[in-house]
């Protein structure tokens, strides 16, 4: 049941979207809320950007955060493996 596809309606930037996927409704709502918060921050800093430019900035930030998280995970795995090897 965890891999079951669901449809969740969200509002992003005052427009309704139906998101289809396997994530919970709460997860999808949190994603939409985070995007809306980021859009508000971008509007405060640079109100003259087009919606497309705002979306690209949000995507760049999201991918950058994902890469940073992946690097952290790899570092933690390496540290764990080194400690496991020392204990063997």
Protein backbone atom coordinates (compact mmCIF):
# COMPACT_ATOMS: atom_id res chain seq x y z
CA UNK A 1 0.00 0.00 0.00
CA UNK A 2 2.99 2.28 0.52
CA UNK A 3 3.75 2.36 -3.21
CA UNK A 4 0.15 3.14 -4.11
CA UNK A 5 -0.27 6.21 -6.32
CA UNK A 6 -2.27 9.05 -4.80
CA UNK A 7 -3.64 12.35 -6.11
CA UNK A 8 -3.26 15.41 -3.90
CA UNK A 9 -4.51 18.91 -4.74
CA UNK A 10 -2.29 21.77 -3.61
CA UNK A 11 -2.12 25.52 -4.15
CA UNK A 12 1.26 26.86 -5.29
CA UNK A 13 1.61 30.55 -6.07
CA UNK A 14 -2.19 30.97 -6.03
CA UNK A 15 -2.70 28.23 -8.64
CA UNK A 16 -4.18 24.78 -8.00
CA UNK A 17 -2.15 21.72 -8.99
CA UNK A 18 -2.97 18.03 -8.71
CA UNK A 19 0.15 16.11 -7.74
CA UNK A 20 0.17 12.38 -8.46
CA UNK A 21 2.69 10.15 -6.71
CA UNK A 22 3.37 7.67 -3.96
CA UNK A 23 4.15 10.19 -1.20
CA UNK A 24 1.62 10.90 1.55
CA UNK A 25 -0.76 13.84 1.30
CA UNK A 26 1.02 15.41 4.29
CA UNK A 27 4.36 15.16 2.46
CA UNK A 28 2.98 16.76 -0.71
CA UNK A 29 1.30 19.54 1.33
CA UNK A 30 4.61 20.22 3.10
CA UNK A 31 6.39 20.44 -0.26
CA UNK A 32 3.79 22.93 -1.53
CA UNK A 33 4.04 24.97 1.68
CA UNK A 34 7.85 25.08 1.39
CA UNK A 35 7.66 26.19 -2.25
CA UNK A 36 5.18 28.95 -1.35
CA UNK A 37 7.47 30.14 1.47
CA UNK A 38 10.43 30.23 -0.91
CA UNK A 39 8.38 32.14 -3.48
CA UNK A 40 7.47 34.72 -0.83
CA UNK A 41 11.15 35.18 0.08
CA UNK A 42 12.15 35.54 -3.57
CA UNK A 43 9.37 38.11 -4.11
CA UNK A 44 10.60 40.11 -1.10
CA UNK A 45 14.18 40.12 -2.43
CA UNK A 46 13.53 40.43 -6.17
CA UNK A 47 9.96 41.28 -7.05
CA UNK A 48 10.94 42.02 -10.65
CA UNK A 49 11.70 38.38 -11.54
CA UNK A 50 9.31 36.50 -13.81
CA UNK A 51 7.49 33.42 -12.53
CA UNK A 52 9.81 31.30 -14.68
CA UNK A 53 12.91 32.90 -13.16
CA UNK A 54 11.48 32.39 -9.67
CA UNK A 55 10.80 28.72 -10.43
CA UNK A 56 14.32 28.24 -11.75
CA UNK A 57 15.82 29.81 -8.61
CA UNK A 58 13.76 27.50 -6.43
CA UNK A 59 14.85 24.48 -8.50
CA UNK A 60 18.52 25.52 -8.29
CA UNK A 61 18.24 25.92 -4.51
CA UNK A 62 16.48 22.54 -4.16
CA UNK A 63 19.07 20.67 -6.22
CA UNK A 64 21.90 22.42 -4.38
CA UNK A 65 20.39 21.36 -1.03
CA UNK A 66 19.97 17.81 -2.33
CA UNK A 67 23.63 17.64 -3.39
CA UNK A 68 24.75 18.98 0.00
CA UNK A 69 22.60 16.40 1.80
CA UNK A 70 23.96 13.60 -0.36
CA UNK A 71 27.55 14.67 0.39
CA UNK A 72 26.77 14.72 4.11
CA UNK A 73 25.24 11.26 3.91
CA UNK A 74 28.31 9.90 2.10
CA UNK A 75 30.62 11.47 4.71
CA UNK A 76 28.59 9.90 7.53
CA UNK A 77 28.64 6.51 5.77
CA UNK A 78 32.42 6.73 5.35
CA UNK A 79 32.86 7.68 9.01
CA UNK A 80 30.61 4.80 10.08
CA UNK A 81 32.50 2.34 7.87
CA UNK A 82 35.86 3.54 9.23
CA UNK A 83 34.64 3.09 12.80
CA UNK A 84 33.25 -0.36 11.96
CA UNK A 85 36.59 -1.36 10.41
CA UNK A 86 38.48 -0.13 13.51
CA UNK A 87 36.25 -2.22 15.79
CA UNK A 88 36.74 -5.41 13.71
